[in-house]
Amino acid sequence: MSRIIPITKKCIICDKEHEYRELASTNAFGACDLDLRPPEMRRSTMPLWVEECPFCGYVSSDISKLPIDVTEVSKVKDFISKESFQHTEEKSFYASLHAAWACDDKNDKENAILCRKIALEFLEILILNDKNNENLRLQKADLLRRSGDFDAVIKQYNSENFSNELLNKIVHFQLEKSKLKDDACYTVADV
């Protein structure tokens, strides 16, 4: 069962207070999707992952904190540590991925694909910074397939071998679904 509590926060932009609903605890039962979307009950808490100020419209995972401007970070990336730049890219990747999930819930396939393509751009940077991260590389296969880029999945993953048997089964599953031009959502249990 998910436990949700009310919390009053002050918007960092307009300095006005408002009461928000915050997730205190939750659980998850079952298999996650291949793009790592959590199973229920955690899945149903997505509307709580983002806060919107009713006064100025500012949106953030925490309304009381300043946003990170990716364009400003990219201008000075040579002067900041690789770790802090990667952290920004990771937050942007997950924000785009979560937006795709929200579009899925609204049966908005066009915007779900758009959000996945944006997430892919950030994921490419994360993979470049961590070439040995098999989970990121495997997650890319699902994002490509769910975006309808079946040829890219087949081309990039046809000879891919992972160190873990489950990961190899998942990539084989992704290849088979891509050959069928199947962009549906699947869970790890489906593999």
C-alpha atoms as a PDB file:
ATOM      1  CA  MET A   1       0.000   0.000   0.000  1.00  0.00           C
ATOM      2  CA  SER A   2       1.213   3.494  -0.797  1.00  0.00           C
ATOM      3  CA  ARG A   3       1.244   6.095   1.944  1.00  0.00           C
ATOM      4  CA  ILE A   4       0.777   9.698   0.830  1.00  0.00           C
ATOM      5  CA  ILE A   5       1.183  12.662   3.165  1.00  0.00           C
ATOM      6  CA  PRO A   6       0.397  16.364   2.752  1.00  0.00           C
ATOM      7  CA  ILE A   7       3.363  18.730   2.864  1.00  0.00           C
ATOM      8  CA  THR A   8       3.490  22.513   2.520  1.00  0.00           C
ATOM      9  CA  LYS A   9       6.305  23.831   0.336  1.00  0.00           C
ATOM     10  CA  LYS A  10       7.355  27.255  -0.861  1.00  0.00           C
ATOM     11  CA  CYS A  11       7.908  27.651  -4.599  1.00  0.00           C
ATOM     12  CA  ILE A  12      11.501  28.648  -5.345  1.00  0.00           C
ATOM     13  CA  ILE A  13      10.314  30.789  -8.278  1.00  0.00           C
ATOM     14  CA  CYS A  14       7.367  32.819  -6.933  1.00  0.00           C
ATOM     15  CA  ASP A  15       7.952  32.336  -3.189  1.00  0.00           C
ATOM     16  CA  LYS A  16       4.318  31.287  -2.554  1.00  0.00           C
ATOM     17  CA  GLU A  17       3.351  28.353  -0.360  1.00  0.00           C
ATOM     18  CA  HIS A  18       1.059  25.530  -1.367  1.00  0.00           C
ATOM     19  CA  GLU A  19       0.206  22.101   0.002  1.00  0.00           C
ATOM     20  CA  TYR A  20       1.447  19.158  -2.081  1.00  0.00           C
ATOM     21  CA  ARG A  21       0.951  15.428  -1.778  1.00  0.00           C
ATOM     22  CA  GLU A  22       4.198  13.577  -1.135  1.00  0.00           C
ATOM     23  CA  LEU A  23       4.875   9.879  -1.287  1.00  0.00           C
ATOM     24  CA  ALA A  24       5.980   8.654   2.135  1.00  0.00           C
ATOM     25  CA  SER A  25       6.204   4.973   1.193  1.00  0.00           C
ATOM     26  CA  THR A  26       5.057   2.477  -1.394  1.00  0.00           C
ATOM     27  CA  ASN A  27       5.742  -1.044  -2.615  1.00  0.00           C
ATOM     28  CA  ALA A  28       6.018  -2.838  -5.911  1.00  0.00           C
ATOM     29  CA  PHE A  29       4.865  -6.333  -6.834  1.00  0.00           C
ATOM     30  CA  GLY A  30       5.593  -8.073 -10.114  1.00  0.00           C
ATOM     31  CA  ALA A  31       8.025  -7.553 -12.940  1.00  0.00           C
ATOM     32  CA  CYS A  32       9.145  -4.159 -14.180  1.00  0.00           C
ATOM     33  CA  ASP A  33       8.789  -3.214 -17.838  1.00  0.00           C
ATOM     34  CA  LEU A  34      11.804  -3.708 -20.074  1.00  0.00           C
ATOM     35  CA  ASP A  35      12.455   0.055 -19.899  1.00  0.00           C
ATOM     36  CA  LEU A  36      12.521  -0.375 -16.080  1.00  0.00           C
ATOM     37  CA  ARG A  37       9.126   1.211 -15.381  1.00  0.00           C
ATOM     38  CA  PRO A  38       8.168  -0.153 -11.981  1.00  0.00           C
ATOM     39  CA  PRO A  39       5.230  -2.491 -11.418  1.00  0.00           C
ATOM     40  CA  GLU A  40       2.175  -1.575  -9.381  1.00  0.00           C
ATOM     41  CA  MET A  41       1.763   0.031  -6.732  1.00  0.00           C
ATOM     42  CA  ARG A  42       4.856   2.159  -7.368  1.00  0.00           C
ATOM     43  CA  ARG A  43       3.668   2.689 -10.946  1.00  0.00           C
ATOM     44  CA  SER A  44       0.469   4.387  -9.769  1.00  0.00           C
ATOM     45  CA  THR A  45       2.429   6.964  -7.774  1.00  0.00           C
ATOM     46  CA  MET A  46       3.783   8.688 -10.899  1.00  0.00           C
ATOM     47  CA  PRO A  47       1.561  11.770 -10.523  1.00  0.00           C
ATOM     48  CA  LEU A  48       3.350  12.432  -7.231  1.00  0.00           C
ATOM     49  CA  TRP A  49       6.802  12.436  -8.837  1.00  0.00           C
ATOM     50  CA  VAL A  50       6.273  15.973 -10.168  1.00  0.00           C
ATOM     51  CA  GLU A  51       5.028  19.084  -8.387  1.00  0.00           C
ATOM     52  CA  GLU A  52       3.460  22.093 -10.119  1.00  0.00           C
ATOM     53  CA  CYS A  53       3.090  25.505  -8.534  1.00  0.00           C
ATOM     54  CA  PRO A  54      -0.552  26.609  -8.960  1.00  0.00           C
ATOM     55  CA  PHE A  55       0.531  30.265  -8.838  1.00  0.00           C
ATOM     56  CA  CYS A  56       3.345  30.535 -11.397  1.00  0.00           C
ATOM     57  CA  GLY A  57       3.247  27.160 -13.179  1.00  0.00           C
ATOM     58  CA  TYR A  58       6.797  26.109 -12.255  1.00  0.00           C
ATOM     59  CA  VAL A  59       7.167  22.309 -12.467  1.00  0.00           C
ATOM     60  CA  SER A  60       9.834  20.236 -10.723  1.00  0.00           C
ATOM     61  CA  SER A  61      10.352  17.052  -8.768  1.00  0.00           C
ATOM     62  CA  ASP A  62      10.868  19.394  -5.805  1.00  0.00           C
ATOM     63  CA  ILE A  63       9.138  22.765  -6.132  1.00  0.00           C
ATOM     64  CA  SER A  64      11.323  24.267  -3.430  1.00  0.00           C
ATOM     65  CA  LYS A  65      14.568  23.809  -5.405  1.00  0.00           C
ATOM     66  CA  LEU A  66      16.074  25.607  -8.384  1.00  0.00           C
ATOM     67  CA  PRO A  67      16.031  23.857 -11.749  1.00  0.00           C
ATOM     68  CA  ILE A  68      19.214  22.747 -13.469  1.00  0.00           C
ATOM     69  CA  ASP A  69      19.597  24.493 -16.806  1.00  0.00           C
ATOM     70  CA  VAL A  70      21.083  21.900 -19.154  1.00  0.00           C
ATOM     71  CA  THR A  71      22.026  24.532 -21.754  1.00  0.00           C
ATOM     72  CA  GLU A  72      24.017  26.501 -19.190  1.00  0.00           C
ATOM     73  CA  VAL A  73      25.680  23.334 -17.924  1.00  0.00           C
ATOM     74  CA  SER A  74      26.654  22.292 -21.450  1.00  0.00           C
ATOM     75  CA  LYS A  75      28.280  25.707 -22.083  1.00  0.00           C
ATOM     76  CA  VAL A  76      30.644  25.212 -19.167  1.00  0.00           C
ATOM     77  CA  LYS A  77      30.960  21.435 -19.150  1.00  0.00           C
ATOM     78  CA  ASP A  78      34.707  21.662 -19.721  1.00  0.00           C
ATOM     79  CA  PHE A  79      35.018  23.547 -16.436  1.00  0.00           C
ATOM     80  CA  ILE A  80      32.917  21.287 -14.257  1.00  0.00           C
ATOM     81  CA  SER A  81      33.559  17.772 -13.155  1.00  0.00           C
ATOM     82  CA  LYS A  82      32.479  14.895 -15.358  1.00  0.00           C
ATOM     83  CA  GLU A  83      30.469  13.539 -12.440  1.00  0.00           C
ATOM     84  CA  SER A  84      28.280  16.617 -12.013  1.00  0.00           C
ATOM     85  CA  PHE A  85      27.680  16.890 -15.766  1.00  0.00           C
ATOM     86  CA  GLN A  86      26.706  13.227 -15.934  1.00  0.00           C
ATOM     87  CA  HIS A  87      24.318  13.759 -13.020  1.00  0.00           C
ATOM     88  CA  THR A  88      22.507  16.446 -15.042  1.00  0.00           C
ATOM     89  CA  GLU A  89      22.276  14.168 -18.074  1.00  0.00           C
ATOM     90  CA  GLU A  90      20.961  11.341 -15.896  1.00  0.00           C
ATOM     91  CA  LYS A  91      18.233  13.539 -14.409  1.00  0.00           C
ATOM     92  CA  SER A  92      17.256  14.698 -17.899  1.00  0.00           C
ATOM     93  CA  PHE A  93      17.196  11.107 -19.155  1.00  0.00           C
ATOM     94  CA  TYR A  94      14.896   9.945 -16.375  1.00  0.00           C
ATOM     95  CA  ALA A  95      12.652  13.011 -16.676  1.00  0.00           C
ATOM     96  CA  SER A  96      12.179  12.264 -20.399  1.00  0.00           C
ATOM     97  CA  LEU A  97      11.614   8.572 -19.737  1.00  0.00           C
ATOM     98  CA  HIS A  98       9.050   9.304 -17.026  1.00  0.00           C
ATOM     99  CA  ALA A  99       7.297  11.691 -19.410  1.00  0.00           C
ATOM    100  CA  ALA A 100       7.075   8.830 -21.930  1.00  0.00           C
ATOM    101  CA  TRP A 101       5.469   6.644 -19.268  1.00  0.00           C
ATOM    102  CA  ALA A 102       2.936   9.372 -18.487  1.00  0.00           C
ATOM    103  CA  CYS A 103       2.104   9.595 -22.202  1.00  0.00           C
ATOM    104  CA  ASP A 104       1.686   5.805 -22.291  1.00  0.00           C
ATOM    105  CA  ASP A 105      -0.844   6.079 -19.472  1.00  0.00           C
ATOM    106  CA  LYS A 106      -2.813   8.639 -21.508  1.00  0.00           C
ATOM    107  CA  ASN A 107      -2.617   6.458 -24.657  1.00  0.00           C
ATOM    108  CA  ASP A 108      -0.739   9.325 -26.323  1.00  0.00           C
ATOM    109  CA  LYS A 109       1.533   7.233 -28.536  1.00  0.00           C
ATOM    110  CA  GLU A 110       2.871  10.162 -30.591  1.00  0.00           C
ATOM    111  CA  ASN A 111       4.175  12.059 -27.567  1.00  0.00           C
ATOM    112  CA  ALA A 112       5.369   8.844 -25.892  1.00  0.00           C
ATOM    113  CA  ILE A 113       7.580   8.229 -28.931  1.00  0.00           C
ATOM    114  CA  LEU A 114       8.792  11.840 -28.883  1.00  0.00           C
ATOM    115  CA  CYS A 115       9.703  11.581 -25.187  1.00  0.00           C
ATOM    116  CA  ARG A 116      11.525   8.291 -25.785  1.00  0.00           C
ATOM    117  CA  LYS A 117      13.546   9.875 -28.591  1.00  0.00           C
ATOM    118  CA  ILE A 118      14.518  12.727 -26.268  1.00  0.00           C
ATOM    119  CA  ALA A 119      15.415  10.193 -23.570  1.00  0.00           C
ATOM    120  CA  LEU A 120      17.573   8.366 -26.125  1.00  0.00           C
ATOM    121  CA  GLU A 121      19.622  11.517 -26.727  1.00  0.00           C
ATOM    122  CA  PHE A 122      20.459  11.763 -23.029  1.00  0.00           C
ATOM    123  CA  LEU A 123      20.996   8.002 -22.770  1.00  0.00           C
ATOM    124  CA  GLU A 124      23.598   8.170 -25.551  1.00  0.00           C
ATOM    125  CA  ILE A 125      25.610  10.618 -23.432  1.00  0.00           C
ATOM    126  CA  LEU A 126      25.304   8.385 -20.363  1.00  0.00           C
ATOM    127  CA  ILE A 127      26.484   5.384 -22.385  1.00  0.00           C
ATOM    128  CA  LEU A 128      29.455   7.356 -23.732  1.00  0.00           C
ATOM    129  CA  ASN A 129      30.428   8.191 -20.152  1.00  0.00           C
ATOM    130  CA  ASP A 130      29.954   4.608 -18.952  1.00  0.00           C
ATOM    131  CA  LYS A 131      30.610   2.292 -21.903  1.00  0.00           C
ATOM    132  CA  ASN A 132      30.661  -0.819 -19.699  1.00  0.00           C
ATOM    133  CA  ASN A 133      27.187  -0.273 -18.248  1.00  0.00           C
ATOM    134  CA  GLU A 134      25.230  -3.132 -19.788  1.00  0.00           C
ATOM    135  CA  ASN A 135      21.963  -2.050 -18.195  1.00  0.00           C
ATOM    136  CA  LEU A 136      22.071   1.300 -19.980  1.00  0.00           C
ATOM    137  CA  ARG A 137      22.914  -0.356 -23.292  1.00  0.00           C
ATOM    138  CA  LEU A 138      20.054  -2.812 -22.862  1.00  0.00           C
ATOM    139  CA  GLN A 139      17.630  -0.068 -21.874  1.00  0.00           C
ATOM    140  CA  LYS A 140      18.529   1.675 -25.126  1.00  0.00           C
ATOM    141  CA  ALA A 141      17.279  -1.352 -27.083  1.00  0.00           C
ATOM    142  CA  ASP A 142      13.836  -1.046 -25.519  1.00  0.00           C
ATOM    143  CA  LEU A 143      13.676   2.712 -26.102  1.00  0.00           C
ATOM    144  CA  LEU A 144      14.615   2.254 -29.742  1.00  0.00           C
ATOM    145  CA  ARG A 145      12.048  -0.520 -30.234  1.00  0.00           C
ATOM    146  CA  ARG A 146       9.272   1.352 -28.411  1.00  0.00           C
ATOM    147  CA  SER A 147      10.096   4.393 -30.605  1.00  0.00           C
ATOM    148  CA  GLY A 148       9.573   2.286 -33.710  1.00  0.00           C
ATOM    149  CA  ASP A 149      13.240   2.266 -34.742  1.00  0.00           C
ATOM    150  CA  PHE A 150      13.274  -1.488 -35.323  1.00  0.00           C
ATOM    151  CA  ASP A 151      16.122  -1.387 -37.846  1.00  0.00           C
ATOM    152  CA  ALA A 152      18.411   0.313 -35.313  1.00  0.00           C
ATOM    153  CA  VAL A 153      17.692  -2.402 -32.745  1.00  0.00           C
ATOM    154  CA  ILE A 154      18.479  -5.136 -35.264  1.00  0.00           C
ATOM    155  CA  LYS A 155      21.624  -3.386 -36.510  1.00  0.00           C
ATOM    156  CA  GLN A 156      23.033  -2.465 -33.086  1.00  0.00           C
ATOM    157  CA  TYR A 157      22.080  -5.566 -31.112  1.00  0.00           C
ATOM    158  CA  ASN A 158      22.220  -8.436 -33.617  1.00  0.00           C
ATOM    159  CA  SER A 159      25.678  -9.519 -32.447  1.00  0.00           C
ATOM    160  CA  GLU A 160      25.559  -8.024 -28.921  1.00  0.00           C
ATOM    161  CA  ASN A 161      26.544 -10.332 -26.078  1.00  0.00           C
ATOM    162  CA  PHE A 162      26.093  -9.428 -22.441  1.00  0.00           C
ATOM    163  CA  SER A 163      27.826 -10.915 -19.426  1.00  0.00           C
ATOM    164  CA  ASN A 164      24.557 -12.043 -17.838  1.00  0.00           C
ATOM    165  CA  GLU A 165      22.245 -14.723 -19.268  1.00  0.00           C
ATOM    166  CA  LEU A 166      19.077 -12.787 -18.405  1.00  0.00           C
ATOM    167  CA  LEU A 167      20.386  -9.720 -20.243  1.00  0.00           C
ATOM    168  CA  ASN A 168      21.136 -11.930 -23.276  1.00  0.00           C
ATOM    169  CA  LYS A 169      17.579 -13.303 -23.163  1.00  0.00           C
ATOM    170  CA  ILE A 170      16.203  -9.763 -23.017  1.00  0.00           C
ATOM    171  CA  VAL A 171      18.254  -8.585 -25.992  1.00  0.00           C
ATOM    172  CA  HIS A 172      17.183 -11.673 -27.963  1.00  0.00           C
ATOM    173  CA  PHE A 173      13.554 -10.866 -27.056  1.00  0.00           C
ATOM    174  CA  GLN A 174      14.071  -7.248 -28.213  1.00  0.00           C
ATOM    175  CA  LEU A 175      15.504  -8.471 -31.517  1.00  0.00           C
ATOM    176  CA  GLU A 176      12.604 -10.857 -32.113  1.00  0.00           C
ATOM    177  CA  LYS A 177      10.012  -8.159 -31.364  1.00  0.00           C
ATOM    178  CA  SER A 178      11.884  -5.694 -33.602  1.00  0.00           C
ATOM    179  CA  LYS A 179      11.841  -8.172 -36.502  1.00  0.00           C
ATOM    180  CA  LEU A 180       8.062  -8.349 -36.037  1.00  0.00           C
ATOM    181  CA  LYS A 181       7.885  -4.519 -35.870  1.00  0.00           C
ATOM    182  CA  ASP A 182       6.273  -4.875 -32.450  1.00  0.00           C
ATOM    183  CA  ASP A 183       6.512  -1.689 -30.370  1.00  0.00           C
ATOM    184  CA  ALA A 184       4.334  -2.894 -27.482  1.00  0.00           C
ATOM    185  CA  CYS A 185       5.251  -2.688 -23.818  1.00  0.00           C
ATOM    186  CA  TYR A 186       6.645  -5.871 -22.290  1.00  0.00           C
ATOM    187  CA  THR A 187       7.869  -6.814 -18.842  1.00  0.00           C
ATOM    188  CA  VAL A 188      10.872  -8.829 -17.762  1.00  0.00           C
ATOM    189  CA  ALA A 189       8.445 -11.664 -16.967  1.00  0.00           C
ATOM    190  CA  ASP A 190       7.431 -11.758 -20.655  1.00  0.00           C
ATOM    191  CA  VAL A 191      10.987 -12.657 -21.616  1.00  0.00           C
END
